[in-house]
N, C-alpha and C. Protein backbone atom coordinates (compact mmCIF):
# COMPACT_ATOMS: atom_id res chain seq x y z
N GLN A 1 -113.43 46.92 -40.08
CA GLN A 1 -113.01 46.73 -41.46
C GLN A 1 -113.77 47.66 -42.38
N VAL A 2 -113.06 48.28 -43.28
CA VAL A 2 -113.66 49.14 -44.29
C VAL A 2 -113.30 48.57 -45.65
N GLN A 3 -114.31 48.44 -46.50
CA GLN A 3 -114.08 47.94 -47.85
C GLN A 3 -114.22 49.11 -48.83
N LEU A 4 -113.36 49.10 -49.83
CA LEU A 4 -113.34 50.18 -50.82
C LEU A 4 -113.47 49.57 -52.21
N VAL A 5 -114.38 50.13 -52.99
CA VAL A 5 -114.58 49.67 -54.37
C VAL A 5 -114.39 50.85 -55.31
N GLU A 6 -113.45 50.72 -56.20
CA GLU A 6 -113.10 51.80 -57.12
C GLU A 6 -113.76 51.58 -58.48
N SER A 7 -113.93 52.67 -59.19
CA SER A 7 -114.40 52.60 -60.57
C SER A 7 -113.78 53.75 -61.35
N GLY A 8 -113.80 53.64 -62.64
CA GLY A 8 -113.17 54.65 -63.49
C GLY A 8 -111.82 54.17 -63.95
N GLY A 9 -110.99 55.07 -64.43
CA GLY A 9 -109.71 54.68 -64.96
C GLY A 9 -109.84 54.28 -66.42
N GLY A 10 -108.70 53.92 -67.01
CA GLY A 10 -108.70 53.51 -68.41
C GLY A 10 -107.58 54.17 -69.17
N LEU A 11 -107.75 54.20 -70.49
CA LEU A 11 -106.73 54.74 -71.38
C LEU A 11 -107.21 56.08 -71.93
N VAL A 12 -106.34 57.07 -71.92
CA VAL A 12 -106.69 58.40 -72.42
C VAL A 12 -105.46 59.02 -73.07
N GLN A 13 -105.70 59.90 -74.01
CA GLN A 13 -104.60 60.62 -74.64
C GLN A 13 -104.11 61.74 -73.73
N ALA A 14 -102.84 62.09 -73.88
CA ALA A 14 -102.29 63.21 -73.11
C ALA A 14 -103.14 64.46 -73.32
N GLY A 15 -103.39 65.17 -72.22
CA GLY A 15 -104.25 66.34 -72.28
C GLY A 15 -105.70 66.05 -71.99
N GLY A 16 -106.04 64.79 -71.95
CA GLY A 16 -107.42 64.38 -71.71
C GLY A 16 -107.76 64.33 -70.24
N SER A 17 -108.97 63.84 -69.95
CA SER A 17 -109.49 63.81 -68.58
C SER A 17 -110.04 62.43 -68.24
N LEU A 18 -109.99 62.10 -66.98
CA LEU A 18 -110.61 60.90 -66.45
C LEU A 18 -111.14 61.21 -65.06
N ARG A 19 -112.13 60.43 -64.65
CA ARG A 19 -112.67 60.58 -63.30
C ARG A 19 -112.67 59.24 -62.61
N LEU A 20 -112.11 59.19 -61.42
CA LEU A 20 -112.09 57.99 -60.58
C LEU A 20 -113.09 58.16 -59.44
N SER A 21 -113.74 57.08 -59.10
CA SER A 21 -114.67 57.11 -57.96
C SER A 21 -114.38 55.93 -57.05
N CYS A 22 -114.73 56.11 -55.79
CA CYS A 22 -114.50 55.05 -54.79
C CYS A 22 -115.62 55.11 -53.77
N ALA A 23 -116.18 53.95 -53.47
CA ALA A 23 -117.24 53.85 -52.47
C ALA A 23 -116.74 53.02 -51.29
N ALA A 24 -116.95 53.56 -50.10
CA ALA A 24 -116.54 52.89 -48.87
C ALA A 24 -117.74 52.27 -48.18
N SER A 25 -117.52 51.12 -47.57
CA SER A 25 -118.57 50.46 -46.80
C SER A 25 -117.92 49.73 -45.62
N GLY A 26 -118.76 49.39 -44.64
CA GLY A 26 -118.26 48.69 -43.46
C GLY A 26 -118.23 49.58 -42.24
N SER A 27 -117.19 49.46 -41.44
CA SER A 27 -117.10 50.17 -40.15
C SER A 27 -116.57 51.58 -40.34
N ILE A 28 -117.39 52.44 -40.89
CA ILE A 28 -116.99 53.82 -41.17
C ILE A 28 -117.28 54.70 -39.98
N VAL A 29 -116.29 55.51 -39.60
CA VAL A 29 -116.45 56.42 -38.49
C VAL A 29 -116.49 57.85 -39.01
N ASN A 30 -116.97 58.76 -38.16
CA ASN A 30 -117.13 60.14 -38.59
C ASN A 30 -115.80 60.83 -38.86
N THR A 31 -114.78 60.49 -38.08
CA THR A 31 -113.47 61.13 -38.27
C THR A 31 -112.63 60.24 -39.19
N ASN A 32 -112.56 60.63 -40.46
CA ASN A 32 -111.77 59.82 -41.38
C ASN A 32 -111.22 60.67 -42.50
N THR A 33 -110.25 60.13 -43.15
CA THR A 33 -109.67 60.76 -44.34
C THR A 33 -109.71 59.76 -45.48
N MET A 34 -110.19 60.20 -46.61
CA MET A 34 -110.18 59.36 -47.81
C MET A 34 -109.29 60.02 -48.84
N GLY A 35 -108.77 59.20 -49.71
CA GLY A 35 -107.88 59.79 -50.70
C GLY A 35 -107.49 58.83 -51.80
N TRP A 36 -106.53 59.29 -52.58
CA TRP A 36 -106.01 58.52 -53.71
C TRP A 36 -104.49 58.52 -53.68
N TYR A 37 -103.95 57.35 -53.91
CA TYR A 37 -102.52 57.18 -54.07
C TYR A 37 -102.30 56.52 -55.42
N ARG A 38 -101.08 56.53 -55.90
CA ARG A 38 -100.78 55.85 -57.16
C ARG A 38 -99.42 55.19 -57.10
N GLN A 39 -99.28 54.16 -57.93
CA GLN A 39 -98.02 53.44 -57.99
C GLN A 39 -97.71 53.09 -59.43
N ALA A 40 -96.62 53.62 -59.92
CA ALA A 40 -96.16 53.29 -61.27
C ALA A 40 -95.18 52.12 -61.18
N PRO A 41 -94.99 51.39 -62.27
CA PRO A 41 -94.07 50.25 -62.26
C PRO A 41 -92.68 50.64 -61.79
N GLY A 42 -92.14 49.89 -60.83
CA GLY A 42 -90.80 50.15 -60.33
C GLY A 42 -90.69 51.30 -59.37
N LYS A 43 -91.81 51.90 -59.01
CA LYS A 43 -91.80 53.04 -58.09
C LYS A 43 -92.62 52.73 -56.85
N GLN A 44 -92.39 53.52 -55.81
CA GLN A 44 -93.16 53.36 -54.59
C GLN A 44 -94.54 54.02 -54.74
N ARG A 45 -95.46 53.56 -53.94
CA ARG A 45 -96.77 54.18 -53.92
C ARG A 45 -96.64 55.60 -53.37
N GLU A 46 -97.33 56.53 -54.03
CA GLU A 46 -97.19 57.93 -53.62
C GLU A 46 -98.56 58.59 -53.47
N LEU A 47 -98.59 59.59 -52.63
CA LEU A 47 -99.81 60.36 -52.42
C LEU A 47 -100.19 61.12 -53.68
N VAL A 48 -101.48 61.11 -53.99
CA VAL A 48 -102.02 61.96 -55.04
C VAL A 48 -102.83 63.09 -54.39
N ALA A 49 -103.83 62.71 -53.62
CA ALA A 49 -104.67 63.71 -52.95
C ALA A 49 -105.47 63.05 -51.84
N THR A 50 -105.73 63.81 -50.78
CA THR A 50 -106.59 63.33 -49.71
C THR A 50 -107.59 64.42 -49.33
N VAL A 51 -108.67 63.98 -48.71
CA VAL A 51 -109.68 64.91 -48.22
C VAL A 51 -110.25 64.36 -46.93
N THR A 52 -110.34 65.21 -45.91
CA THR A 52 -110.92 64.77 -44.66
C THR A 52 -112.44 64.88 -44.72
N ARG A 53 -113.09 64.29 -43.77
CA ARG A 53 -114.54 64.35 -43.74
C ARG A 53 -115.01 65.80 -43.57
N GLY A 54 -114.21 66.60 -42.88
CA GLY A 54 -114.55 68.01 -42.68
C GLY A 54 -114.26 68.90 -43.88
N GLY A 55 -113.52 68.36 -44.84
CA GLY A 55 -113.33 69.12 -46.07
C GLY A 55 -111.93 69.50 -46.48
N PRO A 56 -110.95 69.72 -45.56
CA PRO A 56 -109.61 70.11 -46.01
C PRO A 56 -109.01 69.08 -46.95
N THR A 57 -108.34 69.59 -47.97
CA THR A 57 -107.72 68.74 -48.97
C THR A 57 -106.20 68.90 -48.96
N ASN A 58 -105.54 67.89 -49.51
CA ASN A 58 -104.10 67.91 -49.64
C ASN A 58 -103.75 67.29 -50.98
N TYR A 59 -102.88 67.95 -51.73
CA TYR A 59 -102.51 67.46 -53.05
C TYR A 59 -101.01 67.32 -53.20
N ALA A 60 -100.58 66.36 -53.96
CA ALA A 60 -99.19 66.29 -54.37
C ALA A 60 -98.90 67.47 -55.28
N ASN A 61 -97.70 68.01 -55.19
CA ASN A 61 -97.34 69.16 -56.03
C ASN A 61 -97.51 68.86 -57.51
N SER A 62 -97.26 67.63 -57.88
CA SER A 62 -97.28 67.25 -59.28
C SER A 62 -98.68 67.30 -59.90
N VAL A 63 -99.72 67.32 -59.07
CA VAL A 63 -101.09 67.29 -59.60
C VAL A 63 -101.88 68.55 -59.27
N LYS A 64 -101.31 69.44 -58.50
CA LYS A 64 -102.01 70.67 -58.12
C LYS A 64 -102.40 71.46 -59.36
N GLY A 65 -103.64 71.91 -59.38
CA GLY A 65 -104.14 72.67 -60.51
C GLY A 65 -104.69 71.81 -61.64
N ARG A 66 -104.45 70.51 -61.59
CA ARG A 66 -104.95 69.60 -62.62
C ARG A 66 -105.97 68.61 -62.08
N PHE A 67 -105.76 68.17 -60.86
CA PHE A 67 -106.64 67.17 -60.25
C PHE A 67 -107.48 67.83 -59.16
N THR A 68 -108.70 67.33 -59.00
CA THR A 68 -109.58 67.82 -57.94
C THR A 68 -110.19 66.63 -57.22
N ILE A 69 -110.03 66.60 -55.90
CA ILE A 69 -110.62 65.54 -55.10
C ILE A 69 -111.88 66.08 -54.44
N SER A 70 -112.88 65.23 -54.33
CA SER A 70 -114.12 65.61 -53.68
C SER A 70 -114.72 64.38 -53.01
N ARG A 71 -115.61 64.63 -52.06
CA ARG A 71 -116.25 63.49 -51.39
C ARG A 71 -117.69 63.81 -51.08
N ASP A 72 -118.47 62.75 -50.95
CA ASP A 72 -119.87 62.85 -50.55
C ASP A 72 -119.99 62.08 -49.24
N ASN A 73 -120.08 62.79 -48.15
CA ASN A 73 -120.11 62.14 -46.84
C ASN A 73 -121.36 61.29 -46.65
N ALA A 74 -122.45 61.71 -47.22
CA ALA A 74 -123.70 60.95 -47.06
C ALA A 74 -123.60 59.60 -47.75
N LYS A 75 -122.85 59.53 -48.84
CA LYS A 75 -122.73 58.28 -49.59
C LYS A 75 -121.41 57.56 -49.32
N ASN A 76 -120.54 58.18 -48.52
CA ASN A 76 -119.22 57.60 -48.24
C ASN A 76 -118.44 57.32 -49.51
N THR A 77 -118.43 58.29 -50.38
CA THR A 77 -117.70 58.16 -51.64
C THR A 77 -116.67 59.28 -51.77
N VAL A 78 -115.64 58.99 -52.55
CA VAL A 78 -114.64 59.98 -52.86
C VAL A 78 -114.34 59.88 -54.36
N SER A 79 -114.14 61.02 -54.99
CA SER A 79 -113.88 61.05 -56.42
C SER A 79 -112.62 61.86 -56.71
N LEU A 80 -112.02 61.55 -57.84
CA LEU A 80 -110.83 62.28 -58.28
C LEU A 80 -111.03 62.66 -59.73
N GLN A 81 -111.20 63.94 -59.99
CA GLN A 81 -111.30 64.43 -61.35
C GLN A 81 -109.91 64.81 -61.82
N MET A 82 -109.48 64.15 -62.90
CA MET A 82 -108.12 64.34 -63.40
C MET A 82 -108.18 65.00 -64.77
N ASN A 83 -107.67 66.20 -64.88
CA ASN A 83 -107.64 66.94 -66.13
C ASN A 83 -106.20 67.15 -66.58
N SER A 84 -106.05 67.51 -67.82
CA SER A 84 -104.72 67.79 -68.40
C SER A 84 -103.74 66.67 -68.07
N LEU A 85 -104.18 65.45 -68.30
CA LEU A 85 -103.37 64.30 -67.95
C LEU A 85 -102.09 64.23 -68.76
N LYS A 86 -101.04 63.74 -68.11
CA LYS A 86 -99.72 63.60 -68.72
C LYS A 86 -99.31 62.13 -68.69
N PRO A 87 -98.43 61.72 -69.59
CA PRO A 87 -97.97 60.33 -69.56
C PRO A 87 -97.41 59.92 -68.20
N GLU A 88 -96.78 60.84 -67.50
CA GLU A 88 -96.23 60.51 -66.19
C GLU A 88 -97.29 60.31 -65.12
N ASP A 89 -98.54 60.56 -65.43
CA ASP A 89 -99.63 60.25 -64.52
C ASP A 89 -100.06 58.78 -64.62
N SER A 90 -99.52 58.07 -65.58
CA SER A 90 -99.86 56.66 -65.74
C SER A 90 -99.41 55.86 -64.53
N ALA A 91 -100.34 55.10 -63.98
CA ALA A 91 -100.07 54.32 -62.77
C ALA A 91 -101.32 53.55 -62.39
N VAL A 92 -101.18 52.68 -61.40
CA VAL A 92 -102.34 52.10 -60.76
C VAL A 92 -102.73 53.04 -59.62
N TYR A 93 -103.98 53.45 -59.62
CA TYR A 93 -104.49 54.39 -58.61
C TYR A 93 -105.27 53.61 -57.56
N TYR A 94 -104.97 53.90 -56.31
CA TYR A 94 -105.59 53.21 -55.19
C TYR A 94 -106.38 54.18 -54.33
N CYS A 95 -107.57 53.81 -54.00
CA CYS A 95 -108.37 54.56 -53.04
C CYS A 95 -107.94 54.16 -51.63
N SER A 96 -107.96 55.12 -50.73
CA SER A 96 -107.56 54.83 -49.35
C SER A 96 -108.58 55.41 -48.37
N TYR A 97 -108.63 54.76 -47.20
CA TYR A 97 -109.47 55.22 -46.10
C TYR A 97 -108.66 55.03 -44.84
N THR A 98 -108.66 56.05 -43.98
CA THR A 98 -107.97 55.90 -42.70
C THR A 98 -108.68 56.75 -41.65
N SER A 99 -108.47 56.38 -40.39
CA SER A 99 -109.00 57.14 -39.27
C SER A 99 -107.97 57.09 -38.15
N PRO A 100 -108.11 57.93 -37.14
CA PRO A 100 -107.10 57.94 -36.06
C PRO A 100 -107.00 56.62 -35.30
N TRP A 101 -108.02 55.75 -35.44
CA TRP A 101 -108.03 54.51 -34.67
C TRP A 101 -107.51 53.32 -35.47
N MET A 102 -107.05 53.58 -36.67
CA MET A 102 -106.56 52.50 -37.52
C MET A 102 -105.05 52.47 -37.51
N ASN A 103 -104.49 51.25 -37.44
CA ASN A 103 -103.03 51.10 -37.48
C ASN A 103 -102.47 51.33 -38.89
N HIS A 104 -103.30 51.05 -39.89
CA HIS A 104 -102.88 51.26 -41.27
C HIS A 104 -104.12 51.49 -42.11
N PRO A 105 -103.97 52.16 -43.25
CA PRO A 105 -105.13 52.47 -44.09
C PRO A 105 -105.77 51.23 -44.70
N SER A 106 -107.01 51.35 -45.06
CA SER A 106 -107.64 50.37 -45.94
C SER A 106 -107.41 50.82 -47.38
N TRP A 107 -107.24 49.84 -48.26
CA TRP A 107 -106.96 50.14 -49.66
C TRP A 107 -107.99 49.48 -50.58
N GLY A 108 -108.27 50.15 -51.69
CA GLY A 108 -109.05 49.52 -52.73
C GLY A 108 -108.17 48.57 -53.55
N GLN A 109 -108.79 47.95 -54.54
CA GLN A 109 -108.06 46.96 -55.33
C GLN A 109 -107.16 47.60 -56.38
N GLY A 110 -107.36 48.88 -56.62
CA GLY A 110 -106.54 49.59 -57.62
C GLY A 110 -107.21 49.63 -58.97
N THR A 111 -107.00 50.72 -59.68
CA THR A 111 -107.53 50.87 -61.04
C THR A 111 -106.44 51.50 -61.90
N GLN A 112 -106.28 50.94 -63.09
CA GLN A 112 -105.19 51.37 -63.97
C GLN A 112 -105.57 52.65 -64.73
N VAL A 113 -104.67 53.59 -64.72
CA VAL A 113 -104.79 54.79 -65.54
C VAL A 113 -103.59 54.83 -66.47
N THR A 114 -103.85 54.88 -67.76
CA THR A 114 -102.78 54.94 -68.74
C THR A 114 -102.99 56.17 -69.61
N VAL A 115 -101.95 57.01 -69.68
CA VAL A 115 -102.01 58.23 -70.49
C VAL A 115 -101.04 58.08 -71.64
N ALA A 116 -101.57 58.03 -72.84
CA ALA A 116 -100.75 57.86 -74.04
C ALA A 116 -100.24 59.21 -74.55
N SER A 117 -99.01 59.22 -74.98
CA SER A 117 -98.42 60.48 -75.47
C SER A 117 -98.73 60.69 -76.94
């Protein structure tokens, strides 16, 4: 079992910035991927960005050039720096953790991001 605790989020004006952080604890293995997903009302949960323990990153096209994901392997944390925020970025953001030995990812409790126009 891996537990994820998120922090950050909130209300920001369009064009502003926010930073999300997530700390993982529990049965953490060396081969893992951490990331962020988001879910807006009435929509499915979608990928925002992921980063493997070795460093490769993956971003949704909609956030490329605006969001940056990073991780601290020593602290088992992952962060998402969100710049140039748009109203369509408003959603509940979820931290995720997965490894090749897991049937499904572990999820954080979610943190609300609201971008006002």
